[in-house]
Amino acid sequence: MRIMDVLEDSPVIAAVKNDEGLAHCLESECQMVFILYGSVCSVADIVGRIKEKGKLAIVHVDLTAGLSSKEIAVDFVRQHTRADGIISTKPQLVKHAMEMGLLGVQRTFIIDSMALSTTRKQIDAFRPDLVEVMPGIMPRILKEIRGYTDIHLIAGGLISDKKDVMAALSAGADGISTTNEGLWLA
């Protein structure tokens, strides 16, 4: 399954932060799920439930309790879950995931011009499969990043309504990630 096909079909990514959100996303039309919670004891079950519904499961390794910020965390996800990929703010983990055949999502927080410059360097250095730009309500920054890369862009964070979704997509994002369950149905 090509990632662009998934995003074209279903550009809203369910970002789940608890079991209640997981239950709701499993009934949604979202085809991709960002898992923003769990532990080494529960992540395989969470991923399994998502995979049973035919959805892509992407584990945020930085937010999974019990995983370290070392490459072994990616090894664990690969060996002990059926996850399709990982999200991390740490480029070395994203790169390692891609080397292991997992989707690599680089999450980046654009808080100032230095962060924007660092993001560009990271994109150029190892070309992650997806870049999640946070906060996702910055159309001008999304356009700027789209101007220098063809990597799939995900806008995430602070997206609260359909207007934010449309603004992000119009600015060049390929998809948006949100914990706002009302947008999973849109």
C-alpha atoms as a PDB file:
ATOM      1  CA  MET A   1       0.000   0.000   0.000  1.00  0.00           C
ATOM      2  CA  ARG A   2       1.515   3.302  -1.078  1.00  0.00           C
ATOM      3  CA  ILE A   3       1.427   6.022   1.566  1.00  0.00           C
ATOM      4  CA  MET A   4       0.263   8.637  -0.944  1.00  0.00           C
ATOM      5  CA  ASP A   5      -2.705   6.440  -1.894  1.00  0.00           C
ATOM      6  CA  VAL A   6      -3.688   6.222   1.772  1.00  0.00           C
ATOM      7  CA  LEU A   7      -3.400   9.987   2.243  1.00  0.00           C
ATOM      8  CA  GLU A   8      -5.336  10.748  -0.938  1.00  0.00           C
ATOM      9  CA  ASP A   9      -8.116   8.417   0.184  1.00  0.00           C
ATOM     10  CA  SER A  10      -8.110   9.507   3.816  1.00  0.00           C
ATOM     11  CA  PRO A  11      -6.058  12.644   4.584  1.00  0.00           C
ATOM     12  CA  VAL A  12      -7.214  12.800   8.222  1.00  0.00           C
ATOM     13  CA  ILE A  13      -5.018  10.695  10.487  1.00  0.00           C
ATOM     14  CA  ALA A  14      -6.475   9.644  13.835  1.00  0.00           C
ATOM     15  CA  ALA A  15      -3.992  10.494  16.569  1.00  0.00           C
ATOM     16  CA  VAL A  16      -5.056   8.462  19.591  1.00  0.00           C
ATOM     17  CA  LYS A  17      -3.959   9.269  23.120  1.00  0.00           C
ATOM     18  CA  ASN A  18      -6.005   6.786  25.169  1.00  0.00           C
ATOM     19  CA  ASP A  19      -8.137   3.638  24.948  1.00  0.00           C
ATOM     20  CA  GLU A  20     -11.339   5.624  24.446  1.00  0.00           C
ATOM     21  CA  GLY A  21      -9.874   7.415  21.434  1.00  0.00           C
ATOM     22  CA  LEU A  22      -8.610   4.093  20.107  1.00  0.00           C
ATOM     23  CA  ALA A  23     -12.116   2.612  20.260  1.00  0.00           C
ATOM     24  CA  HIS A  24     -13.524   5.619  18.381  1.00  0.00           C
ATOM     25  CA  CYS A  25     -10.821   5.623  15.698  1.00  0.00           C
ATOM     26  CA  LEU A  26     -11.423   1.944  15.005  1.00  0.00           C
ATOM     27  CA  GLU A  27     -14.960   2.846  13.930  1.00  0.00           C
ATOM     28  CA  SER A  28     -13.869   5.907  11.929  1.00  0.00           C
ATOM     29  CA  GLU A  29     -13.025   6.129   8.235  1.00  0.00           C
ATOM     30  CA  CYS A  30      -9.417   7.067   9.035  1.00  0.00           C
ATOM     31  CA  GLN A  31      -7.015   4.651   7.374  1.00  0.00           C
ATOM     32  CA  MET A  32      -3.940   5.673   9.350  1.00  0.00           C
ATOM     33  CA  VAL A  33      -3.558   5.880  13.124  1.00  0.00           C
ATOM     34  CA  PHE A  34      -0.817   7.628  15.079  1.00  0.00           C
ATOM     35  CA  ILE A  35      -0.508   5.895  18.473  1.00  0.00           C
ATOM     36  CA  LEU A  36       0.456   8.552  21.040  1.00  0.00           C
ATOM     37  CA  TYR A  37       0.160   6.441  24.194  1.00  0.00           C
ATOM     38  CA  GLY A  38       0.773   3.018  25.652  1.00  0.00           C
ATOM     39  CA  SER A  39       3.694   1.113  27.086  1.00  0.00           C
ATOM     40  CA  VAL A  40       5.926  -1.777  26.174  1.00  0.00           C
ATOM     41  CA  CYS A  41       3.295  -3.954  27.860  1.00  0.00           C
ATOM     42  CA  SER A  42       0.335  -2.678  25.798  1.00  0.00           C
ATOM     43  CA  VAL A  43       1.643  -1.405  22.452  1.00  0.00           C
ATOM     44  CA  ALA A  44       1.458  -4.775  20.670  1.00  0.00           C
ATOM     45  CA  ASP A  45      -2.216  -5.112  21.634  1.00  0.00           C
ATOM     46  CA  ILE A  46      -2.992  -1.541  20.561  1.00  0.00           C
ATOM     47  CA  VAL A  47      -1.293  -2.120  17.193  1.00  0.00           C
ATOM     48  CA  GLY A  48      -3.072  -5.466  16.818  1.00  0.00           C
ATOM     49  CA  ARG A  49      -6.492  -3.882  17.283  1.00  0.00           C
ATOM     50  CA  ILE A  50      -5.699  -1.277  14.623  1.00  0.00           C
ATOM     51  CA  LYS A  51      -4.363  -3.867  12.181  1.00  0.00           C
ATOM     52  CA  GLU A  52      -7.501  -6.030  12.663  1.00  0.00           C
ATOM     53  CA  LYS A  53      -9.474  -3.105  11.206  1.00  0.00           C
ATOM     54  CA  GLY A  54      -7.156  -2.912   8.188  1.00  0.00           C
ATOM     55  CA  LYS A  55      -5.632   0.423   9.190  1.00  0.00           C
ATOM     56  CA  LEU A  56      -2.004   1.531   9.206  1.00  0.00           C
ATOM     57  CA  ALA A  57      -0.553   1.681  12.724  1.00  0.00           C
ATOM     58  CA  ILE A  58       2.247   4.148  13.446  1.00  0.00           C
ATOM     59  CA  VAL A  59       3.766   4.034  16.956  1.00  0.00           C
ATOM     60  CA  HIS A  60       5.139   7.225  18.509  1.00  0.00           C
ATOM     61  CA  VAL A  61       8.199   5.693  20.156  1.00  0.00           C
ATOM     62  CA  ASP A  62       8.979   8.849  22.151  1.00  0.00           C
ATOM     63  CA  LEU A  63       5.578   8.605  23.883  1.00  0.00           C
ATOM     64  CA  THR A  64       5.512   4.839  24.490  1.00  0.00           C
ATOM     65  CA  ALA A  65       6.359   4.237  28.156  1.00  0.00           C
ATOM     66  CA  GLY A  66       9.305   1.929  28.673  1.00  0.00           C
ATOM     67  CA  LEU A  67      10.987   2.583  25.327  1.00  0.00           C
ATOM     68  CA  SER A  68      14.301   4.405  25.294  1.00  0.00           C
ATOM     69  CA  SER A  69      15.496   7.077  22.937  1.00  0.00           C
ATOM     70  CA  LYS A  70      17.889   4.573  21.399  1.00  0.00           C
ATOM     71  CA  GLU A  71      17.579   2.483  18.231  1.00  0.00           C
ATOM     72  CA  ILE A  72      16.660  -0.580  20.318  1.00  0.00           C
ATOM     73  CA  ALA A  73      13.209   1.021  20.777  1.00  0.00           C
ATOM     74  CA  VAL A  74      12.635   0.738  17.021  1.00  0.00           C
ATOM     75  CA  ASP A  75      13.935  -2.823  17.073  1.00  0.00           C
ATOM     76  CA  PHE A  76      11.375  -3.636  19.776  1.00  0.00           C
ATOM     77  CA  VAL A  77       8.492  -2.171  17.766  1.00  0.00           C
ATOM     78  CA  ARG A  78       9.608  -4.080  14.657  1.00  0.00           C
ATOM     79  CA  GLN A  79      10.069  -7.411  16.423  1.00  0.00           C
ATOM     80  CA  HIS A  80       7.170  -7.364  18.886  1.00  0.00           C
ATOM     81  CA  THR A  81       4.340  -5.553  17.081  1.00  0.00           C
ATOM     82  CA  ARG A  82       2.774  -5.489  13.642  1.00  0.00           C
ATOM     83  CA  ALA A  83       3.256  -1.701  13.384  1.00  0.00           C
ATOM     84  CA  ASP A  84       3.696  -0.189   9.945  1.00  0.00           C
ATOM     85  CA  GLY A  85       5.983   2.556  11.185  1.00  0.00           C
ATOM     86  CA  ILE A  86       7.174   4.844  13.931  1.00  0.00           C
ATOM     87  CA  ILE A  87       7.031   8.542  14.758  1.00  0.00           C
ATOM     88  CA  SER A  88       9.846  10.286  16.596  1.00  0.00           C
ATOM     89  CA  THR A  89      11.425  13.677  17.062  1.00  0.00           C
ATOM     90  CA  LYS A  90      14.773  11.904  16.952  1.00  0.00           C
ATOM     91  CA  PRO A  91      16.134  11.635  13.401  1.00  0.00           C
ATOM     92  CA  GLN A  92      18.352   8.632  14.198  1.00  0.00           C
ATOM     93  CA  LEU A  93      15.292   6.599  15.263  1.00  0.00           C
ATOM     94  CA  VAL A  94      13.344   7.551  12.129  1.00  0.00           C
ATOM     95  CA  LYS A  95      16.303   6.674   9.924  1.00  0.00           C
ATOM     96  CA  HIS A  96      16.740   3.328  11.709  1.00  0.00           C
ATOM     97  CA  ALA A  97      13.034   2.536  11.265  1.00  0.00           C
ATOM     98  CA  MET A  98      13.301   3.149   7.530  1.00  0.00           C
ATOM     99  CA  GLU A  99      16.390   0.927   7.331  1.00  0.00           C
ATOM    100  CA  MET A 100      14.301  -1.833   8.962  1.00  0.00           C
ATOM    101  CA  GLY A 101      11.483  -1.477   6.432  1.00  0.00           C
ATOM    102  CA  LEU A 102       9.137   0.564   8.634  1.00  0.00           C
ATOM    103  CA  LEU A 103       7.616   3.900   7.696  1.00  0.00           C
ATOM    104  CA  GLY A 104       9.583   6.710   9.300  1.00  0.00           C
ATOM    105  CA  VAL A 105       7.706   9.799  10.444  1.00  0.00           C
ATOM    106  CA  GLN A 106       9.879  12.712  11.565  1.00  0.00           C
ATOM    107  CA  ARG A 107       7.892  14.890  13.985  1.00  0.00           C
ATOM    108  CA  THR A 108       9.185  18.436  14.125  1.00  0.00           C
ATOM    109  CA  PHE A 109       8.135  21.449  16.158  1.00  0.00           C
ATOM    110  CA  ILE A 110       8.562  24.710  14.240  1.00  0.00           C
ATOM    111  CA  ILE A 111       8.894  27.280  17.002  1.00  0.00           C
ATOM    112  CA  ASP A 112      11.294  29.700  15.349  1.00  0.00           C
ATOM    113  CA  SER A 113      13.523  30.214  12.311  1.00  0.00           C
ATOM    114  CA  MET A 114      16.275  28.007  13.764  1.00  0.00           C
ATOM    115  CA  ALA A 115      13.848  25.092  14.122  1.00  0.00           C
ATOM    116  CA  LEU A 116      12.718  25.623  10.532  1.00  0.00           C
ATOM    117  CA  SER A 117      16.338  25.574   9.346  1.00  0.00           C
ATOM    118  CA  THR A 118      17.073  22.412  11.369  1.00  0.00           C
ATOM    119  CA  THR A 119      14.018  20.731   9.851  1.00  0.00           C
ATOM    120  CA  ARG A 120      15.252  21.479   6.363  1.00  0.00           C
ATOM    121  CA  LYS A 121      18.687  20.032   7.158  1.00  0.00           C
ATOM    122  CA  GLN A 122      17.103  16.868   8.578  1.00  0.00           C
ATOM    123  CA  ILE A 123      14.869  16.432   5.538  1.00  0.00           C
ATOM    124  CA  ASP A 124      17.826  16.861   3.200  1.00  0.00           C
ATOM    125  CA  ALA A 125      20.059  14.543   5.249  1.00  0.00           C
ATOM    126  CA  PHE A 126      17.937  11.397   5.333  1.00  0.00           C
ATOM    127  CA  ARG A 127      14.586  11.978   3.597  1.00  0.00           C
ATOM    128  CA  PRO A 128      12.041  10.522   6.038  1.00  0.00           C
ATOM    129  CA  ASP A 129       8.900   8.953   4.574  1.00  0.00           C
ATOM    130  CA  LEU A 130       6.725  11.596   6.238  1.00  0.00           C
ATOM    131  CA  VAL A 131       7.364  14.844   8.091  1.00  0.00           C
ATOM    132  CA  GLU A 132       4.804  15.847  10.700  1.00  0.00           C
ATOM    133  CA  VAL A 133       4.958  19.622  11.178  1.00  0.00           C
ATOM    134  CA  MET A 134       3.712  20.957  14.497  1.00  0.00           C
ATOM    135  CA  PRO A 135       1.767  23.064  15.057  1.00  0.00           C
ATOM    136  CA  GLY A 136      -0.173  22.315  11.918  1.00  0.00           C
ATOM    137  CA  ILE A 137      -1.983  25.635  11.790  1.00  0.00           C
ATOM    138  CA  MET A 138       0.819  27.487  10.005  1.00  0.00           C
ATOM    139  CA  PRO A 139      -0.065  27.602   6.304  1.00  0.00           C
ATOM    140  CA  ARG A 140       2.830  29.900   5.383  1.00  0.00           C
ATOM    141  CA  ILE A 141       5.375  27.537   6.948  1.00  0.00           C
ATOM    142  CA  LEU A 142       3.726  24.496   5.337  1.00  0.00           C
ATOM    143  CA  LYS A 143       3.979  26.232   1.939  1.00  0.00           C
ATOM    144  CA  GLU A 144       7.637  27.023   2.568  1.00  0.00           C
ATOM    145  CA  ILE A 145       8.473  23.424   3.467  1.00  0.00           C
ATOM    146  CA  ARG A 146       6.435  22.119   0.498  1.00  0.00           C
ATOM    147  CA  GLY A 147       8.514  24.450  -1.689  1.00  0.00           C
ATOM    148  CA  TYR A 148      11.733  22.599  -0.975  1.00  0.00           C
ATOM    149  CA  THR A 149      10.678  18.977  -0.592  1.00  0.00           C
ATOM    150  CA  ASP A 150       8.464  16.359  -2.156  1.00  0.00           C
ATOM    151  CA  ILE A 151       8.363  14.323   1.073  1.00  0.00           C
ATOM    152  CA  HIS A 152       4.829  13.716   2.341  1.00  0.00           C
ATOM    153  CA  LEU A 153       3.867  16.447   4.820  1.00  0.00           C
ATOM    154  CA  ILE A 154       1.498  15.934   7.722  1.00  0.00           C
ATOM    155  CA  ALA A 155       0.185  18.957   9.639  1.00  0.00           C
ATOM    156  CA  GLY A 156      -0.436  18.157  13.290  1.00  0.00           C
ATOM    157  CA  GLY A 157      -1.191  19.982  16.493  1.00  0.00           C
ATOM    158  CA  LEU A 158      -3.824  22.593  17.297  1.00  0.00           C
ATOM    159  CA  ILE A 159      -6.011  21.623  14.332  1.00  0.00           C
ATOM    160  CA  SER A 160      -9.469  22.175  15.749  1.00  0.00           C
ATOM    161  CA  ASP A 161     -11.962  22.387  12.910  1.00  0.00           C
ATOM    162  CA  LYS A 162     -12.564  21.656   9.242  1.00  0.00           C
ATOM    163  CA  LYS A 163     -11.326  25.133   8.321  1.00  0.00           C
ATOM    164  CA  ASP A 164      -7.909  24.275   9.824  1.00  0.00           C
ATOM    165  CA  VAL A 165      -7.895  20.977   7.903  1.00  0.00           C
ATOM    166  CA  MET A 166      -8.669  22.699   4.604  1.00  0.00           C
ATOM    167  CA  ALA A 167      -6.089  25.459   5.237  1.00  0.00           C
ATOM    168  CA  ALA A 168      -3.363  22.889   5.919  1.00  0.00           C
ATOM    169  CA  LEU A 169      -4.242  20.816   2.847  1.00  0.00           C
ATOM    170  CA  SER A 170      -4.426  23.959   0.670  1.00  0.00           C
ATOM    171  CA  ALA A 171      -0.995  25.015   1.934  1.00  0.00           C
ATOM    172  CA  GLY A 172       0.567  21.788   0.687  1.00  0.00           C
ATOM    173  CA  ALA A 173       0.091  19.266   3.495  1.00  0.00           C
ATOM    174  CA  ASP A 174      -0.731  15.766   2.255  1.00  0.00           C
ATOM    175  CA  GLY A 175      -2.645  14.963   5.420  1.00  0.00           C
ATOM    176  CA  ILE A 176      -3.355  16.127   8.943  1.00  0.00           C
ATOM    177  CA  SER A 177      -3.106  14.328  12.270  1.00  0.00           C
ATOM    178  CA  THR A 178      -5.499  15.231  15.029  1.00  0.00           C
ATOM    179  CA  THR A 179      -6.771  13.987  18.364  1.00  0.00           C
ATOM    180  CA  ASN A 180     -10.044  15.830  17.649  1.00  0.00           C
ATOM    181  CA  GLU A 181     -12.410  12.901  17.121  1.00  0.00           C
ATOM    182  CA  GLY A 182     -14.992  15.125  15.437  1.00  0.00           C
ATOM    183  CA  LEU A 183     -12.576  15.578  12.532  1.00  0.00           C
ATOM    184  CA  TRP A 184     -12.032  11.839  12.088  1.00  0.00           C
ATOM    185  CA  LEU A 185     -15.489  11.634  10.553  1.00  0.00           C
ATOM    186  CA  ALA A 186     -15.066  14.621   8.255  1.00  0.00           C
END
